[in-house]
Amino acid sequence: MDRILKNVMAIGCHPDDLEIGCSGTLARYHDAGVHVTMVLVANGNRGHAIIPPDELRTIRSAEARRAADIIGAELLALDISDLEVDSGRQETVVRLVEIIRDCRPDLIITHSPDDYMKDHTEVSRLVFDASFSVSVPHFATGPAAPIAPLFYMDTLAGVGFLPEEYVDISATIERKIKALEEHESQLRWMRDHDGIDFAEFVRTCSRFRGLQCGCAYAEGFRTCRAWPRLTPARLLP
């Protein structure tokens, strides 16, 4: 990092999305003394074929909190049902604006606009909107805040995503996997019914990004290239 950061925020859609995309980087921020906030927009209540939504919502909330503890992050949630994330819903924008104003992050990480499903792309649009709207004094409540630089994390399996920057997570890969494994309701379902070892899937993707940039394991990011979010300083660890 070229400048000292105090607060970093990562805004993901479902419980486990941030663990997949950027938790190695978030753990590195935490270890460097930066306050890390993880914000979940959707609650993951429809992410299982057998467990009913109300029960799954409770399970996944507890899993997310255990994972955040492993990373060393504060966890906040908007608690929107799966497949109902709407970046155009003013109430949701206001809620996220108020969260960002309260935390005043030095940078924000979120989903790529080209991610693989609607909830994810809606979160990307929501974050782009809310992270600008924080600067408008007469919008929502609380004092206006600066517009933070915005970084997009990798897509699932890296499909259609060519990183512009890499973070070496070789020292935090085991915490990344341990945090992901706290999402047992998802990993067990995928293993038992789809034949996918998702922890190994994520480890493999991190290894591939590491091969691209010359380290054991890495996470890839792209910069939101919109005024006034650009800076000459390197903000990633």
C-alpha atoms as a PDB file:
ATOM      1  CA  MET A   1       0.000   0.000   0.000  1.00  0.00           C
ATOM      2  CA  ASP A   2       1.334   3.434  -0.943  1.00  0.00           C
ATOM      3  CA  ARG A   3      -0.739   5.304   1.617  1.00  0.00           C
ATOM      4  CA  ILE A   4      -1.939   4.543   5.111  1.00  0.00           C
ATOM      5  CA  LEU A   5      -5.540   3.375   5.190  1.00  0.00           C
ATOM      6  CA  LYS A   6      -7.833   3.393   8.215  1.00  0.00           C
ATOM      7  CA  ASN A   7     -11.033   1.771   6.932  1.00  0.00           C
ATOM      8  CA  VAL A   8     -11.720  -0.672   4.126  1.00  0.00           C
ATOM      9  CA  MET A   9     -15.203  -1.855   3.157  1.00  0.00           C
ATOM     10  CA  ALA A  10     -16.157  -4.890   1.084  1.00  0.00           C
ATOM     11  CA  ILE A  11     -19.774  -5.127  -0.072  1.00  0.00           C
ATOM     12  CA  GLY A  12     -20.922  -8.515  -1.270  1.00  0.00           C
ATOM     13  CA  CYS A  13     -24.225  -9.982  -2.290  1.00  0.00           C
ATOM     14  CA  HIS A  14     -24.664 -13.297  -0.464  1.00  0.00           C
ATOM     15  CA  PRO A  15     -22.973 -14.800   2.570  1.00  0.00           C
ATOM     16  CA  ASP A  16     -19.761 -16.444   1.226  1.00  0.00           C
ATOM     17  CA  ASP A  17     -19.339 -14.151  -1.820  1.00  0.00           C
ATOM     18  CA  LEU A  18     -16.703 -11.995  -0.123  1.00  0.00           C
ATOM     19  CA  GLU A  19     -14.914 -15.056   1.223  1.00  0.00           C
ATOM     20  CA  ILE A  20     -14.687 -16.347  -2.341  1.00  0.00           C
ATOM     21  CA  GLY A  21     -13.646 -13.095  -4.009  1.00  0.00           C
ATOM     22  CA  CYS A  22     -11.515 -11.054  -1.637  1.00  0.00           C
ATOM     23  CA  SER A  23     -11.172 -12.501   1.874  1.00  0.00           C
ATOM     24  CA  GLY A  24      -7.449 -13.136   1.506  1.00  0.00           C
ATOM     25  CA  THR A  25      -7.003  -9.442   0.756  1.00  0.00           C
ATOM     26  CA  LEU A  26      -9.319  -8.418   3.606  1.00  0.00           C
ATOM     27  CA  ALA A  27      -7.287 -10.571   6.003  1.00  0.00           C
ATOM     28  CA  ARG A  28      -4.130  -8.814   4.842  1.00  0.00           C
ATOM     29  CA  TYR A  29      -5.712  -5.423   5.513  1.00  0.00           C
ATOM     30  CA  HIS A  30      -6.724  -6.567   8.992  1.00  0.00           C
ATOM     31  CA  ASP A  31      -3.220  -7.822   9.721  1.00  0.00           C
ATOM     32  CA  ALA A  32      -1.852  -4.417   8.677  1.00  0.00           C
ATOM     33  CA  GLY A  33      -4.041  -2.683  11.278  1.00  0.00           C
ATOM     34  CA  VAL A  34      -6.806  -1.523   8.930  1.00  0.00           C
ATOM     35  CA  HIS A  35     -10.423  -1.699  10.142  1.00  0.00           C
ATOM     36  CA  VAL A  36     -12.302  -4.030   7.770  1.00  0.00           C
ATOM     37  CA  THR A  37     -16.082  -3.950   7.315  1.00  0.00           C
ATOM     38  CA  MET A  38     -17.923  -6.640   5.374  1.00  0.00           C
ATOM     39  CA  VAL A  39     -21.427  -5.684   4.204  1.00  0.00           C
ATOM     40  CA  LEU A  40     -23.871  -8.320   2.941  1.00  0.00           C
ATOM     41  CA  VAL A  41     -26.783  -7.164   0.806  1.00  0.00           C
ATOM     42  CA  ALA A  42     -28.734 -10.419   0.395  1.00  0.00           C
ATOM     43  CA  ASN A  43     -29.249 -12.934   3.194  1.00  0.00           C
ATOM     44  CA  GLY A  44     -28.809 -16.172   1.229  1.00  0.00           C
ATOM     45  CA  ASN A  45     -32.240 -17.483   2.233  1.00  0.00           C
ATOM     46  CA  ARG A  46     -32.912 -19.241  -1.087  1.00  0.00           C
ATOM     47  CA  GLY A  47     -29.535 -20.923  -1.458  1.00  0.00           C
ATOM     48  CA  HIS A  48     -30.651 -24.469  -0.692  1.00  0.00           C
ATOM     49  CA  ALA A  49     -33.120 -26.912  -2.211  1.00  0.00           C
ATOM     50  CA  ILE A  50     -34.140 -28.555   1.085  1.00  0.00           C
ATOM     51  CA  ILE A  51     -33.651 -26.104   3.961  1.00  0.00           C
ATOM     52  CA  PRO A  52     -36.586 -23.627   3.960  1.00  0.00           C
ATOM     53  CA  PRO A  53     -35.774 -19.906   3.510  1.00  0.00           C
ATOM     54  CA  ASP A  54     -36.496 -18.704   7.051  1.00  0.00           C
ATOM     55  CA  GLU A  55     -34.353 -21.420   8.594  1.00  0.00           C
ATOM     56  CA  LEU A  56     -31.582 -20.987   6.032  1.00  0.00           C
ATOM     57  CA  ARG A  57     -31.491 -17.219   6.611  1.00  0.00           C
ATOM     58  CA  THR A  58     -30.688 -17.833  10.287  1.00  0.00           C
ATOM     59  CA  ILE A  59     -28.100 -20.505   9.493  1.00  0.00           C
ATOM     60  CA  ARG A  60     -26.295 -18.404   6.924  1.00  0.00           C
ATOM     61  CA  SER A  61     -26.230 -15.347   9.158  1.00  0.00           C
ATOM     62  CA  ALA A  62     -24.428 -17.355  11.836  1.00  0.00           C
ATOM     63  CA  GLU A  63     -22.037 -18.824   9.262  1.00  0.00           C
ATOM     64  CA  ALA A  64     -21.224 -15.344   7.946  1.00  0.00           C
ATOM     65  CA  ARG A  65     -20.434 -14.036  11.429  1.00  0.00           C
ATOM     66  CA  ARG A  66     -18.078 -16.913  12.159  1.00  0.00           C
ATOM     67  CA  ALA A  67     -16.335 -16.350   8.832  1.00  0.00           C
ATOM     68  CA  ALA A  68     -15.973 -12.616   9.461  1.00  0.00           C
ATOM     69  CA  ASP A  69     -14.395 -13.371  12.842  1.00  0.00           C
ATOM     70  CA  ILE A  70     -11.768 -15.524  11.135  1.00  0.00           C
ATOM     71  CA  ILE A  71     -10.955 -12.729   8.696  1.00  0.00           C
ATOM     72  CA  GLY A  72     -10.984 -10.134  11.472  1.00  0.00           C
ATOM     73  CA  ALA A  73     -13.808  -8.061  10.038  1.00  0.00           C
ATOM     74  CA  GLU A  74     -16.901  -6.289  11.306  1.00  0.00           C
ATOM     75  CA  LEU A  75     -20.046  -7.670   9.662  1.00  0.00           C
ATOM     76  CA  LEU A  76     -23.122  -5.656   8.633  1.00  0.00           C
ATOM     77  CA  ALA A  77     -26.148  -6.812   6.639  1.00  0.00           C
ATOM     78  CA  LEU A  78     -29.017  -5.287   4.666  1.00  0.00           C
ATOM     79  CA  ASP A  79     -30.936  -8.608   4.933  1.00  0.00           C
ATOM     80  CA  ILE A  80     -32.645  -8.627   1.511  1.00  0.00           C
ATOM     81  CA  SER A  81     -34.052 -11.914   0.214  1.00  0.00           C
ATOM     82  CA  ASP A  82     -32.210 -13.695  -2.571  1.00  0.00           C
ATOM     83  CA  LEU A  83     -33.259 -12.733  -6.110  1.00  0.00           C
ATOM     84  CA  GLU A  84     -34.890  -9.543  -4.804  1.00  0.00           C
ATOM     85  CA  VAL A  85     -31.862  -7.226  -4.884  1.00  0.00           C
ATOM     86  CA  ASP A  86     -32.856  -4.103  -6.828  1.00  0.00           C
ATOM     87  CA  SER A  87     -30.282  -1.352  -7.341  1.00  0.00           C
ATOM     88  CA  GLY A  88     -33.062   1.028  -8.345  1.00  0.00           C
ATOM     89  CA  ARG A  89     -34.935   0.707  -5.062  1.00  0.00           C
ATOM     90  CA  GLN A  90     -34.448   4.004  -3.264  1.00  0.00           C
ATOM     91  CA  GLU A  91     -34.868   2.539   0.214  1.00  0.00           C
ATOM     92  CA  THR A  92     -31.964   0.160  -0.390  1.00  0.00           C
ATOM     93  CA  VAL A  93     -29.740   2.909  -1.781  1.00  0.00           C
ATOM     94  CA  VAL A  94     -30.450   5.090   1.272  1.00  0.00           C
ATOM     95  CA  ARG A  95     -29.649   2.276   3.686  1.00  0.00           C
ATOM     96  CA  LEU A  96     -26.328   1.594   2.001  1.00  0.00           C
ATOM     97  CA  VAL A  97     -25.488   5.302   1.796  1.00  0.00           C
ATOM     98  CA  GLU A  98     -25.974   5.586   5.548  1.00  0.00           C
ATOM     99  CA  ILE A  99     -23.762   2.559   6.199  1.00  0.00           C
ATOM    100  CA  ILE A 100     -20.980   3.952   3.995  1.00  0.00           C
ATOM    101  CA  ARG A 101     -21.239   7.380   5.625  1.00  0.00           C
ATOM    102  CA  ASP A 102     -20.990   5.837   9.056  1.00  0.00           C
ATOM    103  CA  CYS A 103     -17.899   3.785   8.156  1.00  0.00           C
ATOM    104  CA  ARG A 104     -16.237   6.372   5.857  1.00  0.00           C
ATOM    105  CA  PRO A 105     -14.116   3.785   4.012  1.00  0.00           C
ATOM    106  CA  ASP A 106     -10.896   4.717   2.251  1.00  0.00           C
ATOM    107  CA  LEU A 107     -11.791   2.239  -0.473  1.00  0.00           C
ATOM    108  CA  ILE A 108     -14.615  -0.152  -1.334  1.00  0.00           C
ATOM    109  CA  ILE A 109     -14.472  -3.614  -2.921  1.00  0.00           C
ATOM    110  CA  THR A 110     -17.520  -5.155  -4.572  1.00  0.00           C
ATOM    111  CA  HIS A 111     -18.738  -7.389  -7.404  1.00  0.00           C
ATOM    112  CA  SER A 112     -17.799  -6.900 -11.018  1.00  0.00           C
ATOM    113  CA  PRO A 113     -20.539  -5.360 -13.202  1.00  0.00           C
ATOM    114  CA  ASP A 114     -20.066  -8.446 -15.418  1.00  0.00           C
ATOM    115  CA  ASP A 115     -20.576 -11.107 -12.761  1.00  0.00           C
ATOM    116  CA  TYR A 116     -22.574 -14.245 -13.415  1.00  0.00           C
ATOM    117  CA  MET A 117     -26.015 -13.593 -11.896  1.00  0.00           C
ATOM    118  CA  LYS A 118     -28.498 -10.776 -11.396  1.00  0.00           C
ATOM    119  CA  ASP A 119     -28.142 -10.344  -7.633  1.00  0.00           C
ATOM    120  CA  HIS A 120     -24.397  -9.831  -8.065  1.00  0.00           C
ATOM    121  CA  THR A 121     -24.666  -7.332 -10.895  1.00  0.00           C
ATOM    122  CA  GLU A 122     -27.401  -5.455  -9.032  1.00  0.00           C
ATOM    123  CA  VAL A 123     -25.099  -5.159  -6.021  1.00  0.00           C
ATOM    124  CA  SER A 124     -22.362  -3.809  -8.273  1.00  0.00           C
ATOM    125  CA  ARG A 125     -24.721  -1.108  -9.584  1.00  0.00           C
ATOM    126  CA  LEU A 126     -26.043  -0.418  -6.096  1.00  0.00           C
ATOM    127  CA  VAL A 127     -22.550   0.131  -4.716  1.00  0.00           C
ATOM    128  CA  PHE A 128     -21.563   2.383  -7.619  1.00  0.00           C
ATOM    129  CA  ASP A 129     -24.649   4.534  -6.994  1.00  0.00           C
ATOM    130  CA  ALA A 130     -24.534   4.597  -3.192  1.00  0.00           C
ATOM    131  CA  SER A 131     -20.792   5.240  -2.990  1.00  0.00           C
ATOM    132  CA  PHE A 132     -21.280   8.379  -5.099  1.00  0.00           C
ATOM    133  CA  SER A 133     -24.468   9.474  -3.358  1.00  0.00           C
ATOM    134  CA  VAL A 134     -22.666   9.638   0.005  1.00  0.00           C
ATOM    135  CA  SER A 135     -21.103  12.897  -1.216  1.00  0.00           C
ATOM    136  CA  VAL A 136     -24.465  14.655  -1.744  1.00  0.00           C
ATOM    137  CA  PRO A 137     -25.234  16.551   1.499  1.00  0.00           C
ATOM    138  CA  HIS A 138     -29.027  16.665   1.150  1.00  0.00           C
ATOM    139  CA  PHE A 139     -29.477  12.988   0.306  1.00  0.00           C
ATOM    140  CA  ALA A 140     -30.405  10.562   3.107  1.00  0.00           C
ATOM    141  CA  THR A 141     -29.199  11.212   6.657  1.00  0.00           C
ATOM    142  CA  GLY A 142     -25.818  11.836   8.178  1.00  0.00           C
ATOM    143  CA  PRO A 143     -22.964  14.090   7.071  1.00  0.00           C
ATOM    144  CA  ALA A 144     -21.720  13.831   3.512  1.00  0.00           C
ATOM    145  CA  ALA A 145     -18.647  11.644   2.977  1.00  0.00           C
ATOM    146  CA  PRO A 146     -15.922  11.496   0.330  1.00  0.00           C
ATOM    147  CA  ILE A 147     -16.365   9.305  -2.744  1.00  0.00           C
ATOM    148  CA  ALA A 148     -14.130   6.275  -2.168  1.00  0.00           C
ATOM    149  CA  PRO A 149     -12.088   4.520  -4.848  1.00  0.00           C
ATOM    150  CA  LEU A 150     -13.930   1.406  -5.983  1.00  0.00           C
ATOM    151  CA  PHE A 151     -12.407  -1.954  -6.850  1.00  0.00           C
ATOM    152  CA  TYR A 152     -14.172  -4.895  -8.477  1.00  0.00           C
ATOM    153  CA  MET A 153     -13.250  -8.380  -7.234  1.00  0.00           C
ATOM    154  CA  ASP A 154     -12.926 -11.452  -9.403  1.00  0.00           C
ATOM    155  CA  THR A 155     -15.906 -13.216 -10.929  1.00  0.00           C
ATOM    156  CA  LEU A 156     -16.704 -16.817 -10.033  1.00  0.00           C
ATOM    157  CA  ALA A 157     -13.981 -18.995 -11.605  1.00  0.00           C
ATOM    158  CA  GLY A 158     -12.537 -15.819 -13.139  1.00  0.00           C
ATOM    159  CA  VAL A 159     -14.767 -16.109 -16.190  1.00  0.00           C
ATOM    160  CA  GLY A 160     -14.538 -12.991 -18.375  1.00  0.00           C
ATOM    161  CA  PHE A 161     -12.381 -11.172 -15.801  1.00  0.00           C
ATOM    162  CA  LEU A 162      -8.819 -10.070 -16.556  1.00  0.00           C
ATOM    163  CA  PRO A 163      -7.287  -8.529 -13.421  1.00  0.00           C
ATOM    164  CA  GLU A 164      -5.528  -5.185 -13.568  1.00  0.00           C
ATOM    165  CA  GLU A 165      -4.039  -5.608 -10.102  1.00  0.00           C
ATOM    166  CA  TYR A 166      -3.152  -8.613  -7.987  1.00  0.00           C
ATOM    167  CA  VAL A 167      -2.800  -9.120  -4.252  1.00  0.00           C
ATOM    168  CA  ASP A 168      -0.467 -11.840  -2.997  1.00  0.00           C
ATOM    169  CA  ILE A 169      -2.520 -13.842  -0.486  1.00  0.00           C
ATOM    170  CA  SER A 170      -0.027 -16.652   0.028  1.00  0.00           C
ATOM    171  CA  ALA A 171       0.179 -15.771   3.729  1.00  0.00           C
ATOM    172  CA  THR A 172      -3.610 -15.641   4.162  1.00  0.00           C
ATOM    173  CA  ILE A 173      -4.858 -18.403   1.832  1.00  0.00           C
ATOM    174  CA  GLU A 174      -5.507 -20.810   4.714  1.00  0.00           C
ATOM    175  CA  ARG A 175      -7.612 -18.185   6.544  1.00  0.00           C
ATOM    176  CA  LYS A 176      -9.501 -17.552   3.313  1.00  0.00           C
ATOM    177  CA  ILE A 177     -10.322 -21.248   2.986  1.00  0.00           C
ATOM    178  CA  LYS A 178     -11.108 -21.604   6.693  1.00  0.00           C
ATOM    179  CA  ALA A 179     -13.517 -18.650   6.498  1.00  0.00           C
ATOM    180  CA  LEU A 180     -15.153 -20.137   3.396  1.00  0.00           C
ATOM    181  CA  GLU A 181     -15.558 -23.495   5.124  1.00  0.00           C
ATOM    182  CA  GLU A 182     -17.661 -21.823   7.822  1.00  0.00           C
ATOM    183  CA  HIS A 183     -20.398 -21.641   5.162  1.00  0.00           C
ATOM    184  CA  GLU A 184     -21.123 -25.300   5.757  1.00  0.00           C
ATOM    185  CA  SER A 185     -24.720 -25.170   4.513  1.00  0.00           C
ATOM    186  CA  GLN A 186     -23.425 -24.265   1.048  1.00  0.00           C
ATOM    187  CA  LEU A 187     -20.282 -26.358   0.876  1.00  0.00           C
ATOM    188  CA  ARG A 188     -21.966 -29.533   2.139  1.00  0.00           C
ATOM    189  CA  TRP A 189     -24.858 -29.140  -0.305  1.00  0.00           C
ATOM    190  CA  MET A 190     -22.509 -28.621  -3.249  1.00  0.00           C
ATOM    191  CA  ARG A 191     -20.349 -31.558  -2.206  1.00  0.00           C
ATOM    192  CA  ASP A 192     -23.197 -33.991  -1.541  1.00  0.00           C
ATOM    193  CA  HIS A 193     -25.542 -33.076  -4.399  1.00  0.00           C
ATOM    194  CA  ASP A 194     -23.356 -31.496  -7.081  1.00  0.00           C
ATOM    195  CA  GLY A 195     -20.111 -33.367  -6.523  1.00  0.00           C
ATOM    196  CA  ILE A 196     -18.156 -30.104  -6.174  1.00  0.00           C
ATOM    197  CA  ASP A 197     -15.506 -29.549  -3.515  1.00  0.00           C
ATOM    198  CA  PHE A 198     -16.030 -25.797  -3.432  1.00  0.00           C
ATOM    199  CA  ALA A 199     -13.180 -25.051  -1.031  1.00  0.00           C
ATOM    200  CA  GLU A 200     -10.811 -26.764  -3.453  1.00  0.00           C
ATOM    201  CA  PHE A 201     -12.486 -24.901  -6.335  1.00  0.00           C
ATOM    202  CA  VAL A 202     -11.697 -21.551  -4.660  1.00  0.00           C
ATOM    203  CA  ARG A 203      -8.166 -22.616  -3.742  1.00  0.00           C
ATOM    204  CA  THR A 204      -7.545 -23.586  -7.370  1.00  0.00           C
ATOM    205  CA  CYS A 205      -8.758 -20.204  -8.626  1.00  0.00           C
ATOM    206  CA  SER A 206      -6.457 -18.436  -6.158  1.00  0.00           C
ATOM    207  CA  ARG A 207      -3.572 -20.617  -7.297  1.00  0.00           C
ATOM    208  CA  PHE A 208      -4.294 -19.742 -10.937  1.00  0.00           C
ATOM    209  CA  ARG A 209      -4.253 -16.008 -10.167  1.00  0.00           C
ATOM    210  CA  GLY A 210      -0.984 -16.602  -8.320  1.00  0.00           C
ATOM    211  CA  LEU A 211       0.506 -18.246 -11.398  1.00  0.00           C
ATOM    212  CA  GLN A 212      -0.455 -15.203 -13.432  1.00  0.00           C
ATOM    213  CA  CYS A 213       1.454 -12.795 -11.188  1.00  0.00           C
ATOM    214  CA  GLY A 214       4.323 -14.911  -9.897  1.00  0.00           C
ATOM    215  CA  CYS A 215       3.292 -15.954  -6.381  1.00  0.00           C
ATOM    216  CA  ALA A 216       1.742 -19.007  -4.771  1.00  0.00           C
ATOM    217  CA  TYR A 217      -1.806 -17.615  -4.339  1.00  0.00           C
ATOM    218  CA  ALA A 218      -3.399 -14.328  -5.360  1.00  0.00           C
ATOM    219  CA  GLU A 219      -6.671 -12.456  -5.750  1.00  0.00           C
ATOM    220  CA  GLY A 220      -7.351 -10.290  -8.785  1.00  0.00           C
ATOM    221  CA  PHE A 221      -9.062  -6.900  -8.995  1.00  0.00           C
ATOM    222  CA  ARG A 222     -10.095  -4.278 -11.498  1.00  0.00           C
ATOM    223  CA  THR A 223     -10.420  -0.550 -10.845  1.00  0.00           C
ATOM    224  CA  CYS A 224     -13.645   1.374 -11.379  1.00  0.00           C
ATOM    225  CA  ARG A 225     -12.427   3.968 -13.855  1.00  0.00           C
ATOM    226  CA  ALA A 226     -14.849   6.790 -13.179  1.00  0.00           C
ATOM    227  CA  TRP A 227     -14.179  10.298 -11.931  1.00  0.00           C
ATOM    228  CA  PRO A 228     -13.427  11.130  -9.111  1.00  0.00           C
ATOM    229  CA  ARG A 229     -12.465   7.664  -7.903  1.00  0.00           C
ATOM    230  CA  LEU A 230      -9.030   7.354  -9.497  1.00  0.00           C
ATOM    231  CA  THR A 231      -5.829   7.926  -7.562  1.00  0.00           C
ATOM    232  CA  PRO A 232      -2.096   7.533  -8.334  1.00  0.00           C
ATOM    233  CA  ALA A 233      -1.585   5.742  -4.997  1.00  0.00           C
ATOM    234  CA  ARG A 234      -1.677   1.973  -4.705  1.00  0.00           C
ATOM    235  CA  LEU A 235      -4.401   1.156  -2.219  1.00  0.00           C
ATOM    236  CA  LEU A 236      -4.396  -2.634  -2.355  1.00  0.00           C
ATOM    237  CA  PRO A 237      -1.993  -4.443   0.004  1.00  0.00           C
END
